[in-house]
N, C-alpha and C. Protein backbone atom coordinates (compact mmCIF):
# COMPACT_ATOMS: atom_id res chain seq x y z
N MET A 1 118.00 79.22 137.20
CA MET A 1 118.89 78.99 136.09
C MET A 1 119.18 80.34 135.45
N VAL A 2 120.45 80.55 135.12
CA VAL A 2 120.88 81.80 134.53
C VAL A 2 121.66 81.49 133.27
N GLN A 3 121.41 82.24 132.23
CA GLN A 3 122.18 82.10 131.00
C GLN A 3 123.01 83.35 130.84
N LEU A 4 124.29 83.18 130.57
CA LEU A 4 125.16 84.33 130.37
C LEU A 4 126.29 83.96 129.43
N ASP A 5 126.88 84.99 128.87
CA ASP A 5 128.04 84.80 128.00
C ASP A 5 129.29 85.02 128.83
N ILE A 6 130.25 84.14 128.68
CA ILE A 6 131.49 84.22 129.45
C ILE A 6 132.66 84.35 128.49
N ASP A 7 133.50 85.33 128.74
CA ASP A 7 134.71 85.53 127.94
C ASP A 7 135.77 84.54 128.42
N MET A 8 135.92 83.44 127.71
CA MET A 8 136.88 82.41 128.12
C MET A 8 138.32 82.82 127.87
N ASN A 9 138.54 83.94 127.18
CA ASN A 9 139.89 84.45 127.00
C ASN A 9 140.36 85.27 128.20
N ASP A 10 139.43 85.64 129.07
CA ASP A 10 139.77 86.38 130.28
C ASP A 10 140.33 85.38 131.29
N PRO A 11 141.57 85.57 131.75
CA PRO A 11 142.18 84.62 132.68
C PRO A 11 141.36 84.36 133.94
N ARG A 12 140.55 85.34 134.38
CA ARG A 12 139.74 85.15 135.58
C ARG A 12 138.69 84.06 135.39
N ASN A 13 138.37 83.73 134.15
CA ASN A 13 137.33 82.73 133.87
C ASN A 13 137.90 81.35 133.56
N GLN A 14 139.19 81.18 133.64
CA GLN A 14 139.81 79.91 133.29
C GLN A 14 139.57 78.81 134.33
N ASN A 15 139.58 79.15 135.59
CA ASN A 15 139.41 78.16 136.66
C ASN A 15 138.43 78.69 137.70
N PRO A 16 137.13 78.63 137.39
CA PRO A 16 136.15 79.18 138.33
C PRO A 16 136.10 78.39 139.63
N GLU A 17 135.80 79.09 140.71
CA GLU A 17 135.65 78.46 142.02
C GLU A 17 134.22 78.62 142.48
N SER A 18 133.69 77.60 143.10
CA SER A 18 132.33 77.70 143.63
C SER A 18 132.39 78.19 145.07
N HIS A 19 131.33 78.84 145.49
CA HIS A 19 131.20 79.32 146.86
C HIS A 19 129.86 78.79 147.38
N GLN A 20 129.91 77.64 148.03
CA GLN A 20 128.67 76.98 148.45
C GLN A 20 128.43 77.11 149.95
N GLU A 21 127.21 76.79 150.33
CA GLU A 21 126.83 76.75 151.73
C GLU A 21 127.46 75.51 152.37
N ALA A 22 127.41 75.43 153.68
CA ALA A 22 128.04 74.33 154.42
C ALA A 22 127.46 72.97 154.03
N ASP A 23 126.18 72.92 153.64
CA ASP A 23 125.54 71.64 153.32
C ASP A 23 125.49 71.37 151.81
N GLU A 24 126.23 72.13 151.04
CA GLU A 24 126.23 71.94 149.58
C GLU A 24 127.55 71.35 149.11
N PHE A 25 127.48 70.62 148.02
CA PHE A 25 128.68 70.13 147.34
C PHE A 25 128.52 70.52 145.88
N ILE A 26 129.34 71.44 145.44
CA ILE A 26 129.27 71.93 144.06
C ILE A 26 130.63 71.75 143.41
N GLU A 27 130.62 71.15 142.23
CA GLU A 27 131.84 70.98 141.46
C GLU A 27 131.64 71.64 140.11
N ASN A 28 132.57 72.48 139.71
CA ASN A 28 132.50 73.15 138.40
C ASN A 28 133.21 72.30 137.35
N PHE A 29 132.60 72.18 136.19
CA PHE A 29 133.24 71.52 135.07
C PHE A 29 132.54 71.97 133.79
N TRP A 30 133.20 71.79 132.68
CA TRP A 30 132.69 72.23 131.39
C TRP A 30 132.18 71.04 130.59
N VAL A 31 131.05 71.23 129.93
CA VAL A 31 130.47 70.21 129.06
C VAL A 31 130.02 70.91 127.78
N ARG A 32 130.38 70.35 126.64
CA ARG A 32 129.89 70.90 125.38
C ARG A 32 128.38 70.71 125.32
N LEU A 33 127.68 71.69 124.78
CA LEU A 33 126.23 71.58 124.70
C LEU A 33 125.81 70.35 123.92
N THR A 34 126.57 69.97 122.90
CA THR A 34 126.21 68.79 122.11
C THR A 34 126.33 67.51 122.92
N ASP A 35 127.07 67.55 124.04
CA ASP A 35 127.25 66.37 124.89
C ASP A 35 126.44 66.44 126.18
N LEU A 36 125.68 67.53 126.37
CA LEU A 36 125.00 67.75 127.64
C LEU A 36 124.02 66.64 128.00
N TYR A 37 123.23 66.19 127.03
CA TYR A 37 122.24 65.15 127.32
C TYR A 37 122.93 63.85 127.76
N ALA A 38 123.97 63.44 127.04
CA ALA A 38 124.69 62.21 127.41
C ALA A 38 125.32 62.34 128.79
N GLU A 39 125.84 63.52 129.11
CA GLU A 39 126.41 63.74 130.44
C GLU A 39 125.34 63.64 131.52
N CYS A 40 124.17 64.22 131.26
CA CYS A 40 123.06 64.13 132.21
C CYS A 40 122.63 62.69 132.42
N VAL A 41 122.51 61.94 131.35
CA VAL A 41 122.14 60.52 131.45
C VAL A 41 123.17 59.76 132.28
N GLY A 42 124.45 60.03 132.02
CA GLY A 42 125.51 59.38 132.78
C GLY A 42 125.45 59.71 134.26
N PHE A 43 125.27 60.99 134.58
CA PHE A 43 125.17 61.39 135.98
C PHE A 43 123.93 60.78 136.63
N ASP A 44 122.82 60.73 135.90
CA ASP A 44 121.60 60.13 136.44
C ASP A 44 121.83 58.66 136.78
N LYS A 45 122.52 57.94 135.91
CA LYS A 45 122.80 56.52 136.15
C LYS A 45 123.69 56.32 137.37
N GLU A 46 124.53 57.34 137.66
CA GLU A 46 125.41 57.26 138.83
C GLU A 46 124.69 57.68 140.11
N GLY A 47 123.42 58.10 139.98
CA GLY A 47 122.64 58.44 141.16
C GLY A 47 122.58 59.92 141.49
N TYR A 48 123.15 60.75 140.64
CA TYR A 48 123.09 62.20 140.87
C TYR A 48 121.73 62.74 140.45
N ALA A 49 121.27 63.76 141.16
CA ALA A 49 120.03 64.43 140.78
C ALA A 49 120.34 65.45 139.70
N ILE A 50 119.55 65.46 138.64
CA ILE A 50 119.70 66.40 137.55
C ILE A 50 118.62 67.47 137.70
N ASP A 51 119.03 68.72 137.77
CA ASP A 51 118.06 69.82 137.85
C ASP A 51 117.15 69.74 136.64
N ALA A 52 115.85 69.86 136.88
CA ALA A 52 114.87 69.71 135.80
C ALA A 52 115.10 70.71 134.67
N ARG A 53 115.53 71.91 135.01
CA ARG A 53 115.77 72.92 133.97
C ARG A 53 116.94 72.53 133.09
N VAL A 54 118.00 72.02 133.70
CA VAL A 54 119.16 71.58 132.92
C VAL A 54 118.77 70.37 132.07
N GLY A 55 118.03 69.44 132.66
CA GLY A 55 117.58 68.26 131.91
C GLY A 55 116.70 68.63 130.74
N ALA A 56 115.83 69.63 130.92
CA ALA A 56 114.95 70.05 129.83
C ALA A 56 115.74 70.69 128.70
N VAL A 57 116.72 71.52 129.03
CA VAL A 57 117.56 72.12 128.00
C VAL A 57 118.33 71.03 127.26
N ALA A 58 118.89 70.09 128.01
CA ALA A 58 119.66 69.00 127.40
C ALA A 58 118.79 68.18 126.46
N LYS A 59 117.57 67.85 126.89
CA LYS A 59 116.66 67.07 126.05
C LYS A 59 116.27 67.87 124.81
N GLY A 60 116.04 69.17 124.96
CA GLY A 60 115.71 70.01 123.82
C GLY A 60 116.82 70.03 122.79
N ILE A 61 118.06 70.12 123.25
CA ILE A 61 119.20 70.09 122.33
C ILE A 61 119.26 68.74 121.62
N GLU A 62 119.00 67.68 122.37
CA GLU A 62 119.03 66.33 121.78
C GLU A 62 117.94 66.18 120.72
N ILE A 63 116.76 66.71 120.99
CA ILE A 63 115.67 66.65 120.00
C ILE A 63 116.04 67.45 118.76
N ALA A 64 116.61 68.65 118.96
CA ALA A 64 117.02 69.48 117.83
C ALA A 64 118.06 68.76 116.98
N LYS A 65 118.99 68.05 117.64
CA LYS A 65 120.00 67.28 116.89
C LYS A 65 119.34 66.17 116.08
N SER A 66 118.39 65.47 116.68
CA SER A 66 117.75 64.36 115.97
C SER A 66 116.89 64.83 114.82
N TRP A 67 116.35 66.05 114.94
CA TRP A 67 115.55 66.63 113.86
C TRP A 67 116.38 67.49 112.93
N LYS A 68 117.69 67.53 113.22
CA LYS A 68 118.64 68.32 112.42
C LYS A 68 118.21 69.79 112.35
N LEU A 69 117.86 70.34 113.52
CA LEU A 69 117.42 71.73 113.60
C LEU A 69 118.56 72.69 113.92
N ASN A 70 119.78 72.20 114.01
CA ASN A 70 120.90 73.08 114.36
C ASN A 70 121.40 73.87 113.19
């Protein structure tokens, strides 16, 4: 997992493309951090595997929201 800042005003960052291996399926999309947990739950219900690191970050954000730590 990598965290980085992306300049969304730079046209090169408007429509990112993935470069995957032959046996991978990667789709790029944007999710607001405040919606990340709900998106993960939805994908899990659809049968997608959620990376544990992404799930942990999403759950942490959800806990912070419930405790009003933002």
